[in-house]
Amino acid sequence: MGVFFGRNERLGAVDTKGRLHPFRVAIESRLKLKPEQSGQGFGVNAIWRVNCFADDNWPAMADWLVTEAGRFERAVTEVLASET
């Protein structure tokens, strides 16, 4: 389970990696991800390895996902706002 940047061709988000790459270091710095949380390659990810098939994990997974999505939104917004 994780928060990541992907592509959505319908919305015109086809080069997310390329567009965010210049800001990668600043975004990752604001997120303060542990090495085990970050994905390989692009790296602006937050990954939580958890058993998604266990129903009793779902409340904690939902809380984590909401918290991480909010953190990502704030970090990206702050970095991009400071660069313009």
PDB file of N, CA and C in Angstrom:
ATOM      1  N   MET A   1       0.853  -1.157   0.000  1.00  0.00           N
ATOM      2  CA  MET A   1       0.000   0.000   0.000  1.00  0.00           C
ATOM      3  C   MET A   1       0.901   1.223   0.000  1.00  0.00           C
ATOM      4  N   GLY A   2       0.535   2.247  -0.762  1.00  0.00           N
ATOM      5  CA  GLY A   2       1.410   3.392  -0.783  1.00  0.00           C
ATOM      6  C   GLY A   2       0.818   4.626  -1.423  1.00  0.00           C
ATOM      7  N   VAL A   3       1.519   5.710  -1.251  1.00  0.00           N
ATOM      8  CA  VAL A   3       1.213   6.983  -1.908  1.00  0.00           C
ATOM      9  C   VAL A   3       2.318   7.189  -2.921  1.00  0.00           C
ATOM     10  N   PHE A   4       1.946   7.503  -4.140  1.00  0.00           N
ATOM     11  CA  PHE A   4       2.953   7.673  -5.171  1.00  0.00           C
ATOM     12  C   PHE A   4       2.425   8.613  -6.234  1.00  0.00           C
ATOM     13  N   PHE A   5       3.314   9.099  -7.062  1.00  0.00           N
ATOM     14  CA  PHE A   5       2.917   9.920  -8.200  1.00  0.00           C
ATOM     15  C   PHE A   5       2.854   9.020  -9.417  1.00  0.00           C
ATOM     16  N   GLY A   6       1.753   9.082 -10.112  1.00  0.00           N
ATOM     17  CA  GLY A   6       1.584   8.271 -11.299  1.00  0.00           C
ATOM     18  C   GLY A   6       1.116   9.126 -12.453  1.00  0.00           C
ATOM     19  N   ARG A   7       0.655   8.467 -13.482  1.00  0.00           N
ATOM     20  CA  ARG A   7       0.207   9.212 -14.646  1.00  0.00           C
ATOM     21  C   ARG A   7      -1.271   8.959 -14.885  1.00  0.00           C
ATOM     22  N   ASN A   8      -1.949   9.975 -15.359  1.00  0.00           N
ATOM     23  CA  ASN A   8      -3.352   9.869 -15.723  1.00  0.00           C
ATOM     24  C   ASN A   8      -3.511  10.616 -17.044  1.00  0.00           C
ATOM     25  N   GLU A   9      -3.492   9.874 -18.122  1.00  0.00           N
ATOM     26  CA  GLU A   9      -3.529  10.491 -19.443  1.00  0.00           C
ATOM     27  C   GLU A   9      -4.783  11.329 -19.664  1.00  0.00           C
ATOM     28  N   ARG A  10      -5.902  10.891 -19.093  1.00  0.00           N
ATOM     29  CA  ARG A  10      -7.142  11.667 -19.256  1.00  0.00           C
ATOM     30  C   ARG A  10      -7.022  13.072 -18.705  1.00  0.00           C
ATOM     31  N   LEU A  11      -6.237  13.220 -17.626  1.00  0.00           N
ATOM     32  CA  LEU A  11      -6.077  14.531 -16.996  1.00  0.00           C
ATOM     33  C   LEU A  11      -4.826  15.252 -17.475  1.00  0.00           C
ATOM     34  N   GLY A  12      -4.131  14.669 -18.433  1.00  0.00           N
ATOM     35  CA  GLY A  12      -2.941  15.309 -18.981  1.00  0.00           C
ATOM     36  C   GLY A  12      -1.686  15.099 -18.154  1.00  0.00           C
ATOM     37  N   ALA A  13      -1.752  14.258 -17.164  1.00  0.00           N
ATOM     38  CA  ALA A  13      -0.583  13.996 -16.312  1.00  0.00           C
ATOM     39  C   ALA A  13       0.223  12.848 -16.920  1.00  0.00           C
ATOM     40  N   VAL A  14       0.956  13.163 -17.981  1.00  0.00           N
ATOM     41  CA  VAL A  14       1.667  12.096 -18.691  1.00  0.00           C
ATOM     42  C   VAL A  14       3.168  12.091 -18.433  1.00  0.00           C
ATOM     43  N   ASP A  15       3.722  13.136 -17.867  1.00  0.00           N
ATOM     44  CA  ASP A  15       5.151  13.171 -17.594  1.00  0.00           C
ATOM     45  C   ASP A  15       5.396  13.626 -16.154  1.00  0.00           C
ATOM     46  N   THR A  16       4.701  13.001 -15.230  1.00  0.00           N
ATOM     47  CA  THR A  16       4.804  13.389 -13.823  1.00  0.00           C
ATOM     48  C   THR A  16       6.241  13.281 -13.331  1.00  0.00           C
ATOM     49  N   LYS A  17       6.894  12.170 -13.646  1.00  0.00           N
ATOM     50  CA  LYS A  17       8.273  11.964 -13.191  1.00  0.00           C
ATOM     51  C   LYS A  17       9.185  13.070 -13.715  1.00  0.00           C
ATOM     52  N   GLY A  18       9.101  13.359 -14.989  1.00  0.00           N
ATOM     53  CA  GLY A  18       9.948  14.390 -15.577  1.00  0.00           C
ATOM     54  C   GLY A  18       9.667  15.775 -15.027  1.00  0.00           C
ATOM     55  N   ARG A  19       8.393  16.067 -14.793  1.00  0.00           N
ATOM     56  CA  ARG A  19       8.017  17.391 -14.295  1.00  0.00           C
ATOM     57  C   ARG A  19       8.426  17.595 -12.844  1.00  0.00           C
ATOM     58  N   LEU A  20       8.384  16.536 -12.038  1.00  0.00           N
ATOM     59  CA  LEU A  20       8.736  16.667 -10.623  1.00  0.00           C
ATOM     60  C   LEU A  20      10.214  16.419 -10.349  1.00  0.00           C
ATOM     61  N   HIS A  21      10.930  15.827 -11.302  1.00  0.00           N
ATOM     62  CA  HIS A  21      12.329  15.481 -11.066  1.00  0.00           C
ATOM     63  C   HIS A  21      13.186  16.657 -10.572  1.00  0.00           C
ATOM     64  N   PRO A  22      13.049  17.856 -11.123  1.00  0.00           N
ATOM     65  CA  PRO A  22      13.859  18.967 -10.624  1.00  0.00           C
ATOM     66  C   PRO A  22      13.593  19.305  -9.144  1.00  0.00           C
ATOM     67  N   PHE A  23      12.470  18.883  -8.631  1.00  0.00           N
ATOM     68  CA  PHE A  23      12.070  19.202  -7.257  1.00  0.00           C
ATOM     69  C   PHE A  23      12.198  18.000  -6.319  1.00  0.00           C
ATOM     70  N   ARG A  24      12.696  16.881  -6.863  1.00  0.00           N
ATOM     71  CA  ARG A  24      12.739  15.628  -6.109  1.00  0.00           C
ATOM     72  C   ARG A  24      13.442  15.771  -4.767  1.00  0.00           C
ATOM     73  N   VAL A  25      14.636  16.321  -4.761  1.00  0.00           N
ATOM     74  CA  VAL A  25      15.417  16.423  -3.524  1.00  0.00           C
ATOM     75  C   VAL A  25      14.669  17.257  -2.489  1.00  0.00           C
ATOM     76  N   ALA A  26      14.103  18.373  -2.900  1.00  0.00           N
ATOM     77  CA  ALA A  26      13.374  19.240  -1.964  1.00  0.00           C
ATOM     78  C   ALA A  26      12.121  18.544  -1.430  1.00  0.00           C
ATOM     79  N   ILE A  27      11.406  17.832  -2.300  1.00  0.00           N
ATOM     80  CA  ILE A  27      10.197  17.120  -1.860  1.00  0.00           C
ATOM     81  C   ILE A  27      10.566  16.021  -0.881  1.00  0.00           C
ATOM     82  N   GLU A  28      11.565  15.219  -1.235  1.00  0.00           N
ATOM     83  CA  GLU A  28      11.980  14.127  -0.346  1.00  0.00           C
ATOM     84  C   GLU A  28      12.484  14.668   0.991  1.00  0.00           C
ATOM     85  N   SER A  29      13.159  15.794   0.953  1.00  0.00           N
ATOM     86  CA  SER A  29      13.651  16.408   2.191  1.00  0.00           C
ATOM     87  C   SER A  29      12.494  16.801   3.098  1.00  0.00           C
ATOM     88  N   ARG A  30      11.467  17.402   2.523  1.00  0.00           N
ATOM     89  CA  ARG A  30      10.297  17.800   3.326  1.00  0.00           C
ATOM     90  C   ARG A  30       9.547  16.588   3.871  1.00  0.00           C
ATOM     91  N   LEU A  31       9.492  15.508   3.111  1.00  0.00           N
ATOM     92  CA  LEU A  31       8.756  14.317   3.536  1.00  0.00           C
ATOM     93  C   LEU A  31       9.492  13.537   4.620  1.00  0.00           C
ATOM     94  N   LYS A  32      10.829  13.657   4.659  1.00  0.00           N
ATOM     95  CA  LYS A  32      11.639  12.943   5.651  1.00  0.00           C
ATOM     96  C   LYS A  32      11.316  11.447   5.668  1.00  0.00           C
ATOM     97  N   LEU A  33      11.314  10.850   4.483  1.00  0.00           N
ATOM     98  CA  LEU A  33      11.034   9.426   4.381  1.00  0.00           C
ATOM     99  C   LEU A  33      12.226   8.609   4.864  1.00  0.00           C
ATOM    100  N   LYS A  34      11.939   7.507   5.519  1.00  0.00           N
ATOM    101  CA  LYS A  34      12.978   6.553   5.888  1.00  0.00           C
ATOM    102  C   LYS A  34      13.355   5.786   4.619  1.00  0.00           C
ATOM    103  N   PRO A  35      14.586   5.322   4.513  1.00  0.00           N
ATOM    104  CA  PRO A  35      14.990   4.604   3.296  1.00  0.00           C
ATOM    105  C   PRO A  35      14.072   3.440   2.947  1.00  0.00           C
ATOM    106  N   GLU A  36      13.579   2.732   3.951  1.00  0.00           N
ATOM    107  CA  GLU A  36      12.709   1.589   3.669  1.00  0.00           C
ATOM    108  C   GLU A  36      11.319   2.007   3.185  1.00  0.00           C
ATOM    109  N   GLN A  37      10.955   3.276   3.336  1.00  0.00           N
ATOM    110  CA  GLN A  37       9.659   3.759   2.867  1.00  0.00           C
ATOM    111  C   GLN A  37       9.695   4.186   1.413  1.00  0.00           C
ATOM    112  N   SER A  38      10.852   4.572   0.952  1.00  0.00           N
ATOM    113  CA  SER A  38      10.968   5.134  -0.378  1.00  0.00           C
ATOM    114  C   SER A  38      11.155   4.039  -1.414  1.00  0.00           C
ATOM    115  N   GLY A  39      10.506   4.211  -2.559  1.00  0.00           N
ATOM    116  CA  GLY A  39      10.619   3.240  -3.634  1.00  0.00           C
ATOM    117  C   GLY A  39      11.888   3.437  -4.425  1.00  0.00           C
ATOM    118  N   GLN A  40      12.244   2.445  -5.187  1.00  0.00           N
ATOM    119  CA  GLN A  40      13.418   2.525  -6.049  1.00  0.00           C
ATOM    120  C   GLN A  40      13.115   3.420  -7.240  1.00  0.00           C
ATOM    121  N   GLY A  41      14.150   3.915  -7.862  1.00  0.00           N
ATOM    122  CA  GLY A  41      13.952   4.741  -9.045  1.00  0.00           C
ATOM    123  C   GLY A  41      13.656   6.172  -8.679  1.00  0.00           C
ATOM    124  N   PHE A  42      12.471   6.620  -9.020  1.00  0.00           N
ATOM    125  CA  PHE A  42      12.118   8.031  -8.804  1.00  0.00           C
ATOM    126  C   PHE A  42      12.187   8.408  -7.337  1.00  0.00           C
ATOM    127  N   GLY A  43      11.634   7.611  -6.468  1.00  0.00           N
ATOM    128  CA  GLY A  43      11.832   7.802  -5.045  1.00  0.00           C
ATOM    129  C   GLY A  43      10.823   8.636  -4.301  1.00  0.00           C
ATOM    130  N   VAL A  44       9.991   9.424  -4.969  1.00  0.00           N
ATOM    131  CA  VAL A  44       9.016  10.216  -4.236  1.00  0.00           C
ATOM    132  C   VAL A  44       7.790   9.327  -4.003  1.00  0.00           C
ATOM    133  N   ASN A  45       7.926   8.479  -3.026  1.00  0.00           N
ATOM    134  CA  ASN A  45       6.897   7.488  -2.690  1.00  0.00           C
ATOM    135  C   ASN A  45       6.891   7.301  -1.183  1.00  0.00           C
ATOM    136  N   ALA A  46       5.808   6.812  -0.674  1.00  0.00           N
ATOM    137  CA  ALA A  46       5.779   6.332   0.703  1.00  0.00           C
ATOM    138  C   ALA A  46       5.116   4.966   0.655  1.00  0.00           C
ATOM    139  N   ILE A  47       5.836   3.970   1.112  1.00  0.00           N
ATOM    140  CA  ILE A  47       5.343   2.603   1.029  1.00  0.00           C
ATOM    141  C   ILE A  47       5.248   2.032   2.430  1.00  0.00           C
ATOM    142  N   TRP A  48       4.137   1.372   2.698  1.00  0.00           N
ATOM    143  CA  TRP A  48       3.973   0.669   3.961  1.00  0.00           C
ATOM    144  C   TRP A  48       3.679  -0.781   3.611  1.00  0.00           C
ATOM    145  N   ARG A  49       4.570  -1.665   3.988  1.00  0.00           N
ATOM    146  CA  ARG A  49       4.371  -3.079   3.723  1.00  0.00           C
ATOM    147  C   ARG A  49       3.483  -3.645   4.823  1.00  0.00           C
ATOM    148  N   VAL A  50       2.274  -3.971   4.419  1.00  0.00           N
ATOM    149  CA  VAL A  50       1.277  -4.427   5.380  1.00  0.00           C
ATOM    150  C   VAL A  50       0.405  -5.479   4.699  1.00  0.00           C
ATOM    151  N   ASN A  51      -0.151  -6.363   5.463  1.00  0.00           N
ATOM    152  CA  ASN A  51      -1.030  -7.389   4.926  1.00  0.00           C
ATOM    153  C   ASN A  51      -2.384  -6.764   4.596  1.00  0.00           C
ATOM    154  N   CYS A  52      -2.588  -6.464   3.325  1.00  0.00           N
ATOM    155  CA  CYS A  52      -3.828  -5.813   2.889  1.00  0.00           C
ATOM    156  C   CYS A  52      -5.025  -6.761   2.884  1.00  0.00           C
ATOM    157  N   PHE A  53      -4.758  -8.051   3.002  1.00  0.00           N
ATOM    158  CA  PHE A  53      -5.849  -9.028   2.988  1.00  0.00           C
ATOM    159  C   PHE A  53      -6.464  -9.230   4.364  1.00  0.00           C
ATOM    160  N   ALA A  54      -5.819  -8.730   5.405  1.00  0.00           N
ATOM    161  CA  ALA A  54      -6.340  -8.877   6.763  1.00  0.00           C
ATOM    162  C   ALA A  54      -7.300  -7.721   7.051  1.00  0.00           C
ATOM    163  N   ASP A  55      -8.566  -8.048   7.179  1.00  0.00           N
ATOM    164  CA  ASP A  55      -9.589  -7.020   7.412  1.00  0.00           C
ATOM    165  C   ASP A  55      -9.296  -6.148   8.625  1.00  0.00           C
ATOM    166  N   ASP A  56      -8.683  -6.719   9.650  1.00  0.00           N
ATOM    167  CA  ASP A  56      -8.429  -5.927  10.854  1.00  0.00           C
ATOM    168  C   ASP A  56      -7.330  -4.881  10.638  1.00  0.00           C
ATOM    169  N   ASN A  57      -6.594  -4.946   9.531  1.00  0.00           N
ATOM    170  CA  ASN A  57      -5.600  -3.922   9.210  1.00  0.00           C
ATOM    171  C   ASN A  57      -6.191  -2.723   8.472  1.00  0.00           C
ATOM    172  N   TRP A  58      -7.379  -2.864   7.949  1.00  0.00           N
ATOM    173  CA  TRP A  58      -7.949  -1.824   7.096  1.00  0.00           C
ATOM    174  C   TRP A  58      -8.104  -0.466   7.775  1.00  0.00           C
ATOM    175  N   PRO A  59      -8.581  -0.377   9.011  1.00  0.00           N
ATOM    176  CA  PRO A  59      -8.687   0.950   9.638  1.00  0.00           C
ATOM    177  C   PRO A  59      -7.327   1.650   9.741  1.00  0.00           C
ATOM    178  N   ALA A  60      -6.288   0.925  10.148  1.00  0.00           N
ATOM    179  CA  ALA A  60      -4.955   1.522  10.256  1.00  0.00           C
ATOM    180  C   ALA A  60      -4.430   1.901   8.876  1.00  0.00           C
ATOM    181  N   MET A  61      -4.703   1.086   7.862  1.00  0.00           N
ATOM    182  CA  MET A  61      -4.254   1.401   6.507  1.00  0.00           C
ATOM    183  C   MET A  61      -4.934   2.661   5.996  1.00  0.00           C
ATOM    184  N   ALA A  62      -6.224   2.797   6.257  1.00  0.00           N
ATOM    185  CA  ALA A  62      -6.951   3.992   5.812  1.00  0.00           C
ATOM    186  C   ALA A  62      -6.404   5.237   6.502  1.00  0.00           C
ATOM    187  N   ASP A  63      -6.154   5.145   7.800  1.00  0.00           N
ATOM    188  CA  ASP A  63      -5.583   6.283   8.539  1.00  0.00           C
ATOM    189  C   ASP A  63      -4.215   6.655   7.982  1.00  0.00           C
ATOM    190  N   TRP A  64      -3.371   5.653   7.758  1.00  0.00           N
ATOM    191  CA  TRP A  64      -2.030   5.904   7.225  1.00  0.00           C
ATOM    192  C   TRP A  64      -2.113   6.562   5.854  1.00  0.00           C
ATOM    193  N   LEU A  65      -2.986   6.046   5.002  1.00  0.00           N
ATOM    194  CA  LEU A  65      -3.098   6.568   3.642  1.00  0.00           C
ATOM    195  C   LEU A  65      -3.561   8.022   3.636  1.00  0.00           C
ATOM    196  N   VAL A  66      -4.536   8.356   4.451  1.00  0.00           N
ATOM    197  CA  VAL A  66      -5.023   9.740   4.543  1.00  0.00           C
ATOM    198  C   VAL A  66      -3.921  10.651   5.064  1.00  0.00           C
ATOM    199  N   THR A  67      -3.223  10.202   6.104  1.00  0.00           N
ATOM    200  CA  THR A  67      -2.140  11.004   6.674  1.00  0.00           C
ATOM    201  C   THR A  67      -1.027  11.228   5.661  1.00  0.00           C
ATOM    202  N   GLU A  68      -0.591  10.157   4.990  1.00  0.00           N
ATOM    203  CA  GLU A  68       0.495  10.267   4.015  1.00  0.00           C
ATOM    204  C   GLU A  68       0.084  11.099   2.806  1.00  0.00           C
ATOM    205  N   ALA A  69      -1.126  10.918   2.322  1.00  0.00           N
ATOM    206  CA  ALA A  69      -1.582  11.708   1.167  1.00  0.00           C
ATOM    207  C   ALA A  69      -1.574  13.192   1.509  1.00  0.00           C
ATOM    208  N   GLY A  70      -2.011  13.533   2.710  1.00  0.00           N
ATOM    209  CA  GLY A  70      -1.994  14.928   3.152  1.00  0.00           C
ATOM    210  C   GLY A  70      -0.578  15.470   3.262  1.00  0.00           C
ATOM    211  N   ARG A  71       0.324  14.657   3.804  1.00  0.00           N
ATOM    212  CA  ARG A  71       1.732  15.065   3.911  1.00  0.00           C
ATOM    213  C   ARG A  71       2.338  15.312   2.538  1.00  0.00           C
ATOM    214  N   PHE A  72       2.046  14.426   1.598  1.00  0.00           N
ATOM    215  CA  PHE A  72       2.559  14.585   0.233  1.00  0.00           C
ATOM    216  C   PHE A  72       2.014  15.854  -0.401  1.00  0.00           C
ATOM    217  N   GLU A  73       0.724  16.069  -0.251  1.00  0.00           N
ATOM    218  CA  GLU A  73       0.121  17.263  -0.844  1.00  0.00           C
ATOM    219  C   GLU A  73       0.769  18.531  -0.289  1.00  0.00           C
ATOM    220  N   ARG A  74       0.939  18.587   1.038  1.00  0.00           N
ATOM    221  CA  ARG A  74       1.562  19.768   1.648  1.00  0.00           C
ATOM    222  C   ARG A  74       3.004  19.943   1.181  1.00  0.00           C
ATOM    223  N   ALA A  75       3.771  18.858   1.155  1.00  0.00           N
ATOM    224  CA  ALA A  75       5.180  18.946   0.755  1.00  0.00           C
ATOM    225  C   ALA A  75       5.312  19.439  -0.677  1.00  0.00           C
ATOM    226  N   VAL A  76       4.545  18.861  -1.582  1.00  0.00           N
ATOM    227  CA  VAL A  76       4.635  19.264  -2.993  1.00  0.00           C
ATOM    228  C   VAL A  76       4.166  20.696  -3.167  1.00  0.00           C
ATOM    229  N   THR A  77       3.074  21.062  -2.518  1.00  0.00           N
ATOM    230  CA  THR A  77       2.554  22.426  -2.617  1.00  0.00           C
ATOM    231  C   THR A  77       3.579  23.435  -2.111  1.00  0.00           C
ATOM    232  N   GLU A  78       4.192  23.138  -0.957  1.00  0.00           N
ATOM    233  CA  GLU A  78       5.192  24.057  -0.401  1.00  0.00           C
ATOM    234  C   GLU A  78       6.416  24.180  -1.297  1.00  0.00           C
ATOM    235  N   VAL A  79       6.897  23.061  -1.811  1.00  0.00           N
ATOM    236  CA  VAL A  79       8.092  23.097  -2.669  1.00  0.00           C
ATOM    237  C   VAL A  79       7.797  23.846  -3.962  1.00  0.00           C
ATOM    238  N   LEU A  80       6.697  23.525  -4.612  1.00  0.00           N
ATOM    239  CA  LEU A  80       6.390  24.175  -5.879  1.00  0.00           C
ATOM    240  C   LEU A  80       6.071  25.652  -5.690  1.00  0.00           C
ATOM    241  N   ALA A  81       5.431  26.007  -4.576  1.00  0.00           N
ATOM    242  CA  ALA A  81       5.120  27.414  -4.315  1.00  0.00           C
ATOM    243  C   ALA A  81       6.407  28.208  -4.082  1.00  0.00           C
ATOM    244  N   SER A  82       7.384  27.607  -3.441  1.00  0.00           N
ATOM    245  CA  SER A  82       8.639  28.315  -3.160  1.00  0.00           C
ATOM    246  C   SER A  82       9.526  28.448  -4.398  1.00  0.00           C
ATOM    247  N   GLU A  83       9.253  27.669  -5.427  1.00  0.00           N
ATOM    248  CA  GLU A  83      10.056  27.702  -6.645  1.00  0.00           C
ATOM    249  C   GLU A  83       9.502  28.641  -7.706  1.00  0.00           C
ATOM    250  N   THR A  84       8.310  29.171  -7.510  1.00  0.00           N
ATOM    251  CA  THR A  84       7.721  30.037  -8.533  1.00  0.00           C
ATOM    252  C   THR A  84       7.937  31.485  -8.215  1.00  0.00           C
TER     253      THR A  84
END
